[in-house]
PDB file of N, CA and C in Angstrom:
ATOM      1  N   MET A   1     120.715  11.460 372.131  1.00  0.00           N
ATOM      2  CA  MET A   1     120.803  12.360 373.260  1.00  0.00           C
ATOM      3  C   MET A   1     120.098  13.673 372.908  1.00  0.00           C
ATOM      4  N   GLN A   2     119.390  14.183 373.871  1.00  0.00           N
ATOM      5  CA  GLN A   2     118.683  15.449 373.712  1.00  0.00           C
ATOM      6  C   GLN A   2     119.240  16.455 374.716  1.00  0.00           C
ATOM      7  N   LYS A   3     119.150  17.705 374.376  1.00  0.00           N
ATOM      8  CA  LYS A   3     119.585  18.766 375.290  1.00  0.00           C
ATOM      9  C   LYS A   3     118.369  19.338 375.995  1.00  0.00           C
ATOM     10  N   ILE A   4     118.498  19.530 377.305  1.00  0.00           N
ATOM     11  CA  ILE A   4     117.459  20.203 378.074  1.00  0.00           C
ATOM     12  C   ILE A   4     118.093  21.382 378.797  1.00  0.00           C
ATOM     13  N   ASN A   5     117.273  22.361 379.093  1.00  0.00           N
ATOM     14  CA  ASN A   5     117.719  23.545 379.816  1.00  0.00           C
ATOM     15  C   ASN A   5     117.315  23.377 381.277  1.00  0.00           C
ATOM     16  N   LEU A   6     118.296  23.281 382.160  1.00  0.00           N
ATOM     17  CA  LEU A   6     118.006  23.090 383.576  1.00  0.00           C
ATOM     18  C   LEU A   6     117.308  24.296 384.192  1.00  0.00           C
ATOM     19  N   ARG A   7     117.474  25.469 383.596  1.00  0.00           N
ATOM     20  CA  ARG A   7     116.798  26.659 384.124  1.00  0.00           C
ATOM     21  C   ARG A   7     115.284  26.538 383.996  1.00  0.00           C
ATOM     22  N   GLU A   8     114.808  25.827 382.960  1.00  0.00           N
ATOM     23  CA  GLU A   8     113.364  25.631 382.800  1.00  0.00           C
ATOM     24  C   GLU A   8     112.810  24.675 383.855  1.00  0.00           C
ATOM     25  N   LEU A   9     113.615  23.702 384.268  1.00  0.00           N
ATOM     26  CA  LEU A   9     113.162  22.730 385.265  1.00  0.00           C
ATOM     27  C   LEU A   9     113.341  23.238 386.692  1.00  0.00           C
ATOM     28  N   TYR A  10     114.429  23.956 386.932  1.00  0.00           N
ATOM     29  CA  TYR A  10     114.751  24.440 388.275  1.00  0.00           C
ATOM     30  C   TYR A  10     115.041  25.939 388.246  1.00  0.00           C
ATOM     31  N   PRO A  11     114.022  26.780 388.081  1.00  0.00           N
ATOM     32  CA  PRO A  11     114.283  28.226 387.950  1.00  0.00           C
ATOM     33  C   PRO A  11     114.813  28.866 389.229  1.00  0.00           C
ATOM     34  N   ASP A  12     114.552  28.269 390.387  1.00  0.00           N
ATOM     35  CA  ASP A  12     115.065  28.848 391.629  1.00  0.00           C
ATOM     36  C   ASP A  12     116.555  28.595 391.799  1.00  0.00           C
ATOM     37  N   VAL A  13     117.046  27.508 391.247  1.00  0.00           N
ATOM     38  CA  VAL A  13     118.448  27.133 391.417  1.00  0.00           C
ATOM     39  C   VAL A  13     119.320  27.729 390.318  1.00  0.00           C
ATOM     40  N   TYR A  14     118.858  27.612 389.072  1.00  0.00           N
ATOM     41  CA  TYR A  14     119.645  28.067 387.928  1.00  0.00           C
ATOM     42  C   TYR A  14     119.092  29.391 387.428  1.00  0.00           C
ATOM     43  N   LYS A  15     119.894  30.432 387.542  1.00  0.00           N
ATOM     44  CA  LYS A  15     119.477  31.766 387.098  1.00  0.00           C
ATOM     45  C   LYS A  15     119.844  32.022 385.642  1.00  0.00           C
ATOM     46  N   THR A  16     120.783  31.254 385.103  1.00  0.00           N
ATOM     47  CA  THR A  16     121.167  31.383 383.700  1.00  0.00           C
ATOM     48  C   THR A  16     120.914  30.047 383.004  1.00  0.00           C
ATOM     49  N   ASP A  17     120.979  30.060 381.688  1.00  0.00           N
ATOM     50  CA  ASP A  17     120.749  28.841 380.917  1.00  0.00           C
ATOM     51  C   ASP A  17     121.888  27.853 381.139  1.00  0.00           C
ATOM     52  N   VAL A  18     121.521  26.616 381.489  1.00  0.00           N
ATOM     53  CA  VAL A  18     122.489  25.529 381.628  1.00  0.00           C
ATOM     54  C   VAL A  18     121.923  24.353 380.843  1.00  0.00           C
ATOM     55  N   PHE A  19     122.588  23.997 379.756  1.00  0.00           N
ATOM     56  CA  PHE A  19     122.114  22.920 378.897  1.00  0.00           C
ATOM     57  C   PHE A  19     122.856  21.638 379.234  1.00  0.00           C
ATOM     58  N   VAL A  20     122.091  20.531 379.301  1.00  0.00           N
ATOM     59  CA  VAL A  20     122.652  19.231 379.642  1.00  0.00           C
ATOM     60  C   VAL A  20     122.118  18.211 378.647  1.00  0.00           C
ATOM     61  N   ASP A  21     122.981  17.301 378.214  1.00  0.00           N
ATOM     62  CA  ASP A  21     122.548  16.198 377.357  1.00  0.00           C
ATOM     63  C   ASP A  21     121.966  15.097 378.233  1.00  0.00           C
ATOM     64  N   VAL A  22     120.773  14.621 377.872  1.00  0.00           N
ATOM     65  CA  VAL A  22     120.133  13.533 378.612  1.00  0.00           C
ATOM     66  C   VAL A  22     119.692  12.462 377.619  1.00  0.00           C
ATOM     67  N   ALA A  23     119.499  11.261 378.130  1.00  0.00           N
ATOM     68  CA  ALA A  23     119.050  10.149 377.299  1.00  0.00           C
ATOM     69  C   ALA A  23     117.582  10.338 376.933  1.00  0.00           C
ATOM     70  N   GLU A  24     117.161   9.643 375.907  1.00  0.00           N
ATOM     71  CA  GLU A  24     115.771   9.734 375.448  1.00  0.00           C
ATOM     72  C   GLU A  24     114.795   9.294 376.536  1.00  0.00           C
ATOM     73  N   GLU A  25     115.170   8.273 377.312  1.00  0.00           N
ATOM     74  CA  GLU A  25     114.284   7.774 378.368  1.00  0.00           C
ATOM     75  C   GLU A  25     114.080   8.827 379.455  1.00  0.00           C
ATOM     76  N   VAL A  26     115.147   9.537 379.787  1.00  0.00           N
ATOM     77  CA  VAL A  26     115.052  10.583 380.812  1.00  0.00           C
ATOM     78  C   VAL A  26     114.182  11.726 380.309  1.00  0.00           C
ATOM     79  N   LEU A  27     114.377  12.102 379.060  1.00  0.00           N
ATOM     80  CA  LEU A  27     113.565  13.170 378.475  1.00  0.00           C
ATOM     81  C   LEU A  27     112.096  12.772 378.440  1.00  0.00           C
ATOM     82  N   ALA A  28     111.815  11.516 378.091  1.00  0.00           N
ATOM     83  CA  ALA A  28     110.427  11.042 378.063  1.00  0.00           C
ATOM     84  C   ALA A  28     109.818  11.062 379.462  1.00  0.00           C
ATOM     85  N   ALA A  29     110.601  10.709 380.480  1.00  0.00           N
ATOM     86  CA  ALA A  29     110.097  10.731 381.854  1.00  0.00           C
ATOM     87  C   ALA A  29     109.801  12.157 382.307  1.00  0.00           C
ATOM     88  N   ILE A  30     110.681  13.088 381.970  1.00  0.00           N
ATOM     89  CA  ILE A  30     110.472  14.494 382.348  1.00  0.00           C
ATOM     90  C   ILE A  30     109.236  15.052 381.654  1.00  0.00           C
ATOM     91  N   GLN A  31     109.095  14.779 380.362  1.00  0.00           N
ATOM     92  CA  GLN A  31     107.934  15.282 379.626  1.00  0.00           C
ATOM     93  C   GLN A  31     106.645  14.641 380.123  1.00  0.00           C
ATOM     94  N   GLY A  32     106.695  13.359 380.469  1.00  0.00           N
ATOM     95  CA  GLY A  32     105.516  12.692 381.014  1.00  0.00           C
ATOM     96  C   GLY A  32     105.083  13.300 382.333  1.00  0.00           C
ATOM     97  N   GLN A  33     106.047  13.621 383.185  1.00  0.00           N
ATOM     98  CA  GLN A  33     105.730  14.247 384.469  1.00  0.00           C
ATOM     99  C   GLN A  33     105.141  15.639 384.264  1.00  0.00           C
ATOM    100  N   GLU A  34     105.704  16.412 383.342  1.00  0.00           N
ATOM    101  CA  GLU A  34     105.174  17.750 383.074  1.00  0.00           C
ATOM    102  C   GLU A  34     103.756  17.678 382.521  1.00  0.00           C
ATOM    103  N   GLN A  35     103.494  16.710 381.649  1.00  0.00           N
ATOM    104  CA  GLN A  35     102.144  16.551 381.105  1.00  0.00           C
ATOM    105  C   GLN A  35     101.169  16.128 382.195  1.00  0.00           C
ATOM    106  N   GLY A  36     101.612  15.246 383.089  1.00  0.00           N
ATOM    107  CA  GLY A  36     100.760  14.821 384.192  1.00  0.00           C
ATOM    108  C   GLY A  36     100.434  15.972 385.132  1.00  0.00           C
ATOM    109  N   ASP A  37     101.432  16.804 385.422  1.00  0.00           N
ATOM    110  CA  ASP A  37     101.200  17.966 386.282  1.00  0.00           C
ATOM    111  C   ASP A  37     100.228  18.948 385.635  1.00  0.00           C
ATOM    112  N   ALA A  38     100.391  19.179 384.332  1.00  0.00           N
ATOM    113  CA  ALA A  38      99.492  20.101 383.627  1.00  0.00           C
ATOM    114  C   ALA A  38      98.070  19.552 383.596  1.00  0.00           C
ATOM    115  N   ALA A  39      97.931  18.243 383.400  1.00  0.00           N
ATOM    116  CA  ALA A  39      96.597  17.630 383.382  1.00  0.00           C
ATOM    117  C   ALA A  39      95.938  17.737 384.753  1.00  0.00           C
ATOM    118  N   TYR A  40      96.713  17.561 385.813  1.00  0.00           N
ATOM    119  CA  TYR A  40      96.174  17.689 387.169  1.00  0.00           C
ATOM    120  C   TYR A  40      95.679  19.108 387.418  1.00  0.00           C
ATOM    121  N   GLU A  41      96.455  20.093 387.009  1.00  0.00           N
ATOM    122  CA  GLU A  41      96.043  21.485 387.197  1.00  0.00           C
ATOM    123  C   GLU A  41      94.777  21.797 386.407  1.00  0.00           C
ATOM    124  N   ARG A  42      94.655  21.265 385.187  1.00  0.00           N
ATOM    125  CA  ARG A  42      93.441  21.484 384.393  1.00  0.00           C
ATOM    126  C   ARG A  42      92.228  20.846 385.056  1.00  0.00           C
ATOM    127  N   ARG A  43      92.377  19.615 385.553  1.00  0.00           N
ATOM    128  CA  ARG A  43      91.256  18.951 386.223  1.00  0.00           C
ATOM    129  C   ARG A  43      90.854  19.704 387.482  1.00  0.00           C
ATOM    130  N   LYS A  44      91.832  20.177 388.227  1.00  0.00           N
ATOM    131  CA  LYS A  44      91.548  20.930 389.446  1.00  0.00           C
ATOM    132  C   LYS A  44      90.785  22.209 389.117  1.00  0.00           C
ATOM    133  N   PHE A  45      91.158  22.876 388.050  1.00  0.00           N
ATOM    134  CA  PHE A  45      90.490  24.107 387.649  1.00  0.00           C
ATOM    135  C   PHE A  45      89.086  23.826 387.138  1.00  0.00           C
ATOM    136  N   ARG A  46      88.941  22.797 386.303  1.00  0.00           N
ATOM    137  CA  ARG A  46      87.636  22.492 385.714  1.00  0.00           C
ATOM    138  C   ARG A  46      86.613  22.062 386.751  1.00  0.00           C
ATOM    139  N   HIS A  47      87.052  21.305 387.730  1.00  0.00           N
ATOM    140  CA  HIS A  47      86.124  20.806 388.743  1.00  0.00           C
ATOM    141  C   HIS A  47      86.041  21.729 389.956  1.00  0.00           C
ATOM    142  N   LYS A  48      86.685  22.889 389.844  1.00  0.00           N
ATOM    143  CA  LYS A  48      86.667  23.899 390.911  1.00  0.00           C
ATOM    144  C   LYS A  48      87.054  23.287 392.256  1.00  0.00           C
ATOM    145  N   ALA A  49      88.156  22.545 392.247  1.00  0.00           N
ATOM    146  CA  ALA A  49      88.610  21.841 393.441  1.00  0.00           C
ATOM    147  C   ALA A  49      89.488  22.749 394.296  1.00  0.00           C
ATOM    148  N   HIS A  50      88.926  23.831 394.730  1.00  0.00           N
ATOM    149  CA  HIS A  50      89.607  24.685 395.683  1.00  0.00           C
ATOM    150  C   HIS A  50      88.641  24.924 396.836  1.00  0.00           C
ATOM    151  N   TYR A  51      89.177  24.989 398.003  1.00  0.00           N
ATOM    152  CA  TYR A  51      88.346  25.069 399.194  1.00  0.00           C
ATOM    153  C   TYR A  51      88.671  26.336 399.973  1.00  0.00           C
ATOM    154  N   SER A  52      87.654  26.936 400.490  1.00  0.00           N
ATOM    155  CA  SER A  52      87.835  28.105 401.332  1.00  0.00           C
ATOM    156  C   SER A  52      87.747  27.668 402.784  1.00  0.00           C
ATOM    157  N   LEU A  53      88.666  28.146 403.585  1.00  0.00           N
ATOM    158  CA  LEU A  53      88.630  27.818 405.007  1.00  0.00           C
ATOM    159  C   LEU A  53      87.641  28.701 405.755  1.00  0.00           C
ATOM    160  N   ASN A  54      86.973  29.616 405.069  1.00  0.00           N
ATOM    161  CA  ASN A  54      86.007  30.508 405.699  1.00  0.00           C
ATOM    162  C   ASN A  54      84.571  30.037 405.521  1.00  0.00           C
ATOM    163  N   ARG A  55      84.366  28.792 405.134  1.00  0.00           N
ATOM    164  CA  ARG A  55      83.012  28.297 404.894  1.00  0.00           C
ATOM    165  C   ARG A  55      82.281  27.966 406.184  1.00  0.00           C
ATOM    166  N   GLU A  56      82.996  27.867 407.274  1.00  0.00           N
ATOM    167  CA  GLU A  56      82.408  27.541 408.579  1.00  0.00           C
ATOM    168  C   GLU A  56      81.767  26.155 408.601  1.00  0.00           C
ATOM    169  N   ASP A  57      82.324  25.207 407.828  1.00  0.00           N
ATOM    170  CA  ASP A  57      81.791  23.854 407.862  1.00  0.00           C
ATOM    171  C   ASP A  57      82.749  22.878 408.544  1.00  0.00           C
ATOM    172  N   GLY A  58      83.800  23.397 409.160  1.00  0.00           N
ATOM    173  CA  GLY A  58      84.726  22.555 409.901  1.00  0.00           C
ATOM    174  C   GLY A  58      85.889  22.033 409.090  1.00  0.00           C
ATOM    175  N   ILE A  59      85.999  22.431 407.830  1.00  0.00           N
ATOM    176  CA  ILE A  59      87.091  21.915 407.012  1.00  0.00           C
ATOM    177  C   ILE A  59      88.444  22.384 407.530  1.00  0.00           C
ATOM    178  N   GLU A  60      88.481  23.537 408.176  1.00  0.00           N
ATOM    179  CA  GLU A  60      89.756  24.020 408.699  1.00  0.00           C
ATOM    180  C   GLU A  60      90.269  23.121 409.809  1.00  0.00           C
ATOM    181  N   ASN A  61      89.375  22.477 410.544  1.00  0.00           N
ATOM    182  CA  ASN A  61      89.815  21.547 411.580  1.00  0.00           C
ATOM    183  C   ASN A  61      90.479  20.324 410.967  1.00  0.00           C
ATOM    184  N   ASP A  62      89.968  19.854 409.848  1.00  0.00           N
ATOM    185  CA  ASP A  62      90.588  18.728 409.160  1.00  0.00           C
ATOM    186  C   ASP A  62      91.933  19.127 408.565  1.00  0.00           C
ATOM    187  N   ALA A  63      92.049  20.363 408.125  1.00  0.00           N
ATOM    188  CA  ALA A  63      93.292  20.815 407.514  1.00  0.00           C
ATOM    189  C   ALA A  63      94.391  20.999 408.551  1.00  0.00           C
ATOM    190  N   LEU A  64      94.028  21.341 409.770  1.00  0.00           N
ATOM    191  CA  LEU A  64      95.025  21.599 410.798  1.00  0.00           C
ATOM    192  C   LEU A  64      95.514  20.341 411.497  1.00  0.00           C
ATOM    193  N   ASN A  65      94.750  19.251 411.465  1.00  0.00           N
ATOM    194  CA  ASN A  65      95.105  18.001 412.144  1.00  0.00           C
ATOM    195  C   ASN A  65      95.360  18.221 413.634  1.00  0.00           C
ATOM    196  N   ARG A  66      94.443  18.922 414.269  1.00  0.00           N
ATOM    197  CA  ARG A  66      94.576  19.155 415.700  1.00  0.00           C
ATOM    198  C   ARG A  66      94.257  17.878 416.464  1.00  0.00           C
ATOM    199  N   PRO A  67      94.911  17.649 417.605  1.00  0.00           N
ATOM    200  CA  PRO A  67      94.589  16.461 418.405  1.00  0.00           C
ATOM    201  C   PRO A  67      93.210  16.612 419.048  1.00  0.00           C
ATOM    202  N   LEU A  68      92.572  15.497 419.291  1.00  0.00           N
ATOM    203  CA  LEU A  68      91.255  15.516 419.920  1.00  0.00           C
ATOM    204  C   LEU A  68      91.369  15.924 421.386  1.00  0.00           C
ATOM    205  N   THR A  69      90.399  16.684 421.842  1.00  0.00           N
ATOM    206  CA  THR A  69      90.349  17.054 423.249  1.00  0.00           C
ATOM    207  C   THR A  69      89.566  15.985 424.000  1.00  0.00           C
ATOM    208  N   PRO A  70      89.655  15.942 425.328  1.00  0.00           N
ATOM    209  CA  PRO A  70      88.902  14.930 426.081  1.00  0.00           C
ATOM    210  C   PRO A  70      87.392  15.027 425.865  1.00  0.00           C
ATOM    211  N   GLU A  71      86.868  16.225 425.572  1.00  0.00           N
ATOM    212  CA  GLU A  71      85.441  16.369 425.341  1.00  0.00           C
ATOM    213  C   GLU A  71      85.021  15.739 424.019  1.00  0.00           C
ATOM    214  N   GLU A  72      85.942  15.671 423.075  1.00  0.00           N
ATOM    215  CA  GLU A  72      85.606  15.136 421.759  1.00  0.00           C
ATOM    216  C   GLU A  72      85.732  13.638 421.785  1.00  0.00           C
TER     217      GLU A  72
END
């Protein structure tokens, strides 16, 4: 059994340190998810995968999911 601090996982809910014993499998799943999230953020940063809605290329229409008008 390993101890984890719930405040590190849920900072909005837990304002003070709350330690909980978890099984090794649960700890491995939590660490795997954190590593996956960090890898995603690194890839997003490296490939500059951020979009500006001020490019005037119509991407804002795709982001809003507006219904088609009869003219379209």
